[in-house]
Amino acid sequence: MTKRDLIEEVAQQYPRFSRRDAEVIVNAVFDSMTDALAKGERIEIRGFGSFIVKQRPSREGRNPRTGTVVSVAAKKVPLFKVGKELRLRVDDQPTDAEGLAVEDETADDEDETEEDASMRRGVSG
């Protein structure tokens, strides 16, 4: 999905906004996120993920063409950490309304013997 696709999606889902309005909205969101990261702020979008800025120290690297040692300056890089709900949805695992993984309880019941079931219920003999 490209930025243009995202703008089109917003325009389709919200017909009261023109395509130009959708473009302004999407650009405003991205500009706000970019400004926050440029200030070193953390961005957290529940159910989606978080963006952080990490400081990379200076180091010595190698020119891949010549093999000579070069100095690589320290820099800040943005990183994205995927949220649990997004990770589960991408992996086609079901989630509940709160985004938590739904466990399949029937698989455990099939392996349970009658004696185990009785013990779990507190019934003896």
C-alpha atoms as a PDB file:
ATOM      1  CA  MET A   1       0.000   0.000   0.000  1.00  0.00           C
ATOM      2  CA  THR A   2       1.322   3.404  -0.966  1.00  0.00           C
ATOM      3  CA  LYS A   3       0.489   6.808   0.426  1.00  0.00           C
ATOM      4  CA  ARG A   4      -1.761   7.382  -2.587  1.00  0.00           C
ATOM      5  CA  ASP A   5      -3.596   4.100  -1.853  1.00  0.00           C
ATOM      6  CA  LEU A   6      -4.070   5.200   1.750  1.00  0.00           C
ATOM      7  CA  ILE A   7      -5.524   8.527   0.642  1.00  0.00           C
ATOM      8  CA  GLU A   8      -7.921   6.724  -1.690  1.00  0.00           C
ATOM      9  CA  GLU A   9      -8.949   4.345   1.113  1.00  0.00           C
ATOM     10  CA  VAL A  10      -9.730   7.267   3.451  1.00  0.00           C
ATOM     11  CA  ALA A  11     -11.721   9.007   0.702  1.00  0.00           C
ATOM     12  CA  GLN A  12     -13.728   5.829   0.038  1.00  0.00           C
ATOM     13  CA  GLN A  13     -14.437   5.028   3.685  1.00  0.00           C
ATOM     14  CA  TYR A  14     -15.440   8.620   4.462  1.00  0.00           C
ATOM     15  CA  PRO A  15     -17.377   9.900   1.434  1.00  0.00           C
ATOM     16  CA  ARG A  16     -18.183  13.195   3.163  1.00  0.00           C
ATOM     17  CA  PHE A  17     -14.503  14.114   2.611  1.00  0.00           C
ATOM     18  CA  SER A  18     -13.230  14.911  -0.847  1.00  0.00           C
ATOM     19  CA  ARG A  19     -10.087  13.234  -2.138  1.00  0.00           C
ATOM     20  CA  ARG A  20      -8.241  16.512  -1.457  1.00  0.00           C
ATOM     21  CA  ASP A  21      -9.515  16.543   2.157  1.00  0.00           C
ATOM     22  CA  ALA A  22      -8.376  12.943   2.600  1.00  0.00           C
ATOM     23  CA  GLU A  23      -4.943  13.889   1.275  1.00  0.00           C
ATOM     24  CA  VAL A  24      -4.709  16.790   3.749  1.00  0.00           C
ATOM     25  CA  ILE A  25      -5.716  14.479   6.620  1.00  0.00           C
ATOM     26  CA  VAL A  26      -3.204  11.759   5.714  1.00  0.00           C
ATOM     27  CA  ASN A  27      -0.422  14.325   5.222  1.00  0.00           C
ATOM     28  CA  ALA A  28      -1.259  15.936   8.583  1.00  0.00           C
ATOM     29  CA  VAL A  29      -0.975  12.568  10.356  1.00  0.00           C
ATOM     30  CA  PHE A  30       2.355  11.752   8.711  1.00  0.00           C
ATOM     31  CA  ASP A  31       3.703  15.268   9.319  1.00  0.00           C
ATOM     32  CA  SER A  32       2.755  15.078  12.999  1.00  0.00           C
ATOM     33  CA  MET A  33       4.451  11.694  13.341  1.00  0.00           C
ATOM     34  CA  THR A  34       7.574  12.916  11.542  1.00  0.00           C
ATOM     35  CA  ASP A  35       7.776  16.021  13.746  1.00  0.00           C
ATOM     36  CA  ALA A  36       7.394  13.949  16.916  1.00  0.00           C
ATOM     37  CA  LEU A  37      10.149  11.534  15.856  1.00  0.00           C
ATOM     38  CA  ALA A  38      12.414  14.440  14.863  1.00  0.00           C
ATOM     39  CA  LYS A  39      12.034  15.729  18.448  1.00  0.00           C
ATOM     40  CA  GLY A  40      12.998  12.288  19.764  1.00  0.00           C
ATOM     41  CA  GLU A  41       9.493  11.525  21.025  1.00  0.00           C
ATOM     42  CA  ARG A  42       7.984   8.044  21.134  1.00  0.00           C
ATOM     43  CA  ILE A  43       4.793   7.332  19.193  1.00  0.00           C
ATOM     44  CA  GLU A  44       2.507   4.553  20.407  1.00  0.00           C
ATOM     45  CA  ILE A  45      -0.557   3.449  18.477  1.00  0.00           C
ATOM     46  CA  ARG A  46      -2.399   0.806  20.510  1.00  0.00           C
ATOM     47  CA  GLY A  47      -3.014  -2.396  18.600  1.00  0.00           C
ATOM     48  CA  PHE A  48      -0.667  -1.309  15.811  1.00  0.00           C
ATOM     49  CA  GLY A  49       2.789  -0.638  17.197  1.00  0.00           C
ATOM     50  CA  SER A  50       5.217   2.000  18.378  1.00  0.00           C
ATOM     51  CA  PHE A  51       7.853   4.164  16.772  1.00  0.00           C
ATOM     52  CA  ILE A  52      10.978   5.179  18.659  1.00  0.00           C
ATOM     53  CA  VAL A  53      14.197   6.995  17.831  1.00  0.00           C
ATOM     54  CA  LYS A  54      17.370   5.127  18.699  1.00  0.00           C
ATOM     55  CA  GLN A  55      20.848   6.623  18.888  1.00  0.00           C
ATOM     56  CA  ARG A  56      23.442   4.622  16.955  1.00  0.00           C
ATOM     57  CA  PRO A  57      27.050   5.192  18.090  1.00  0.00           C
ATOM     58  CA  SER A  58      29.824   6.030  15.676  1.00  0.00           C
ATOM     59  CA  ARG A  59      31.741   3.033  14.384  1.00  0.00           C
ATOM     60  CA  GLU A  60      34.271   1.860  11.891  1.00  0.00           C
ATOM     61  CA  GLY A  61      32.873   0.289   8.757  1.00  0.00           C
ATOM     62  CA  ARG A  62      34.275  -0.993   5.491  1.00  0.00           C
ATOM     63  CA  ASN A  63      33.779   0.224   1.972  1.00  0.00           C
ATOM     64  CA  PRO A  64      32.307  -2.875   0.295  1.00  0.00           C
ATOM     65  CA  ARG A  65      33.914  -2.071  -3.051  1.00  0.00           C
ATOM     66  CA  THR A  66      37.471  -1.375  -1.902  1.00  0.00           C
ATOM     67  CA  GLY A  67      37.542  -2.963   1.541  1.00  0.00           C
ATOM     68  CA  THR A  68      39.104   0.118   3.100  1.00  0.00           C
ATOM     69  CA  VAL A  69      38.130   1.107   6.647  1.00  0.00           C
ATOM     70  CA  VAL A  70      35.870   4.160   6.857  1.00  0.00           C
ATOM     71  CA  SER A  71      34.478   6.056   9.816  1.00  0.00           C
ATOM     72  CA  VAL A  72      30.680   5.961  10.147  1.00  0.00           C
ATOM     73  CA  ALA A  73      29.308   8.894  12.133  1.00  0.00           C
ATOM     74  CA  ALA A  74      26.864   8.518  15.031  1.00  0.00           C
ATOM     75  CA  LYS A  75      23.250   8.938  13.981  1.00  0.00           C
ATOM     76  CA  LYS A  76      19.652   8.677  15.101  1.00  0.00           C
ATOM     77  CA  VAL A  77      17.426   6.126  13.385  1.00  0.00           C
ATOM     78  CA  PRO A  78      13.665   5.601  13.653  1.00  0.00           C
ATOM     79  CA  LEU A  79      12.563   2.093  14.634  1.00  0.00           C
ATOM     80  CA  PHE A  80       9.152   0.461  14.525  1.00  0.00           C
ATOM     81  CA  LYS A  81       8.069  -2.254  16.933  1.00  0.00           C
ATOM     82  CA  VAL A  82       4.927  -4.104  15.878  1.00  0.00           C
ATOM     83  CA  GLY A  83       2.083  -4.348  18.391  1.00  0.00           C
ATOM     84  CA  LYS A  84       0.666  -7.663  19.552  1.00  0.00           C
ATOM     85  CA  GLU A  85      -2.729  -7.280  17.865  1.00  0.00           C
ATOM     86  CA  LEU A  86      -1.192  -6.437  14.484  1.00  0.00           C
ATOM     87  CA  ARG A  87       1.302  -9.288  14.782  1.00  0.00           C
ATOM     88  CA  LEU A  88      -1.502 -11.752  15.498  1.00  0.00           C
ATOM     89  CA  ARG A  89      -3.722 -10.448  12.683  1.00  0.00           C
ATOM     90  CA  VAL A  90      -0.900 -10.656  10.149  1.00  0.00           C
ATOM     91  CA  ASP A  91      -0.283 -14.235  11.295  1.00  0.00           C
ATOM     92  CA  ASP A  92      -4.019 -15.029  10.790  1.00  0.00           C
ATOM     93  CA  GLN A  93      -4.531 -15.816  14.472  1.00  0.00           C
ATOM     94  CA  PRO A  94      -7.950 -14.899  15.882  1.00  0.00           C
ATOM     95  CA  THR A  95      -8.137 -12.049  18.378  1.00  0.00           C
ATOM     96  CA  ASP A  96     -10.894 -10.968  20.740  1.00  0.00           C
ATOM     97  CA  ALA A  97     -12.361  -7.458  20.904  1.00  0.00           C
ATOM     98  CA  GLU A  98      -9.436  -6.274  23.031  1.00  0.00           C
ATOM     99  CA  GLY A  99      -6.853  -7.599  20.578  1.00  0.00           C
ATOM    100  CA  LEU A 100      -5.799 -10.554  22.700  1.00  0.00           C
ATOM    101  CA  ALA A 101      -5.141 -13.955  21.183  1.00  0.00           C
ATOM    102  CA  VAL A 102      -8.024 -16.356  21.501  1.00  0.00           C
ATOM    103  CA  GLU A 103      -6.836 -19.795  22.583  1.00  0.00           C
ATOM    104  CA  ASP A 104      -8.473 -22.895  21.193  1.00  0.00           C
ATOM    105  CA  GLU A 105      -9.712 -24.691  24.307  1.00  0.00           C
ATOM    106  CA  THR A 106     -11.185 -27.644  22.415  1.00  0.00           C
ATOM    107  CA  ALA A 107      -7.735 -28.995  21.546  1.00  0.00           C
ATOM    108  CA  ASP A 108      -6.898 -29.401  25.230  1.00  0.00           C
ATOM    109  CA  ASP A 109     -10.226 -31.122  25.982  1.00  0.00           C
ATOM    110  CA  GLU A 110      -9.667 -33.837  23.373  1.00  0.00           C
ATOM    111  CA  ASP A 111      -6.526 -35.076  25.132  1.00  0.00           C
ATOM    112  CA  GLU A 112      -8.165 -35.101  28.563  1.00  0.00           C
ATOM    113  CA  THR A 113      -9.125 -38.506  29.945  1.00  0.00           C
ATOM    114  CA  GLU A 114     -12.284 -39.133  31.953  1.00  0.00           C
ATOM    115  CA  GLU A 115     -10.144 -39.520  35.080  1.00  0.00           C
ATOM    116  CA  ASP A 116      -8.469 -36.132  34.444  1.00  0.00           C
ATOM    117  CA  ALA A 117     -11.877 -34.505  33.938  1.00  0.00           C
ATOM    118  CA  SER A 118     -13.147 -36.013  37.199  1.00  0.00           C
ATOM    119  CA  MET A 119     -10.101 -34.746  39.084  1.00  0.00           C
ATOM    120  CA  ARG A 120     -10.550 -31.273  37.618  1.00  0.00           C
ATOM    121  CA  ARG A 121     -14.209 -31.222  38.705  1.00  0.00           C
ATOM    122  CA  GLY A 122     -13.293 -32.495  42.178  1.00  0.00           C
ATOM    123  CA  VAL A 123     -15.154 -35.781  41.765  1.00  0.00           C
ATOM    124  CA  SER A 124     -13.393 -38.924  42.934  1.00  0.00           C
ATOM    125  CA  GLY A 125     -13.804 -42.529  41.772  1.00  0.00           C
END
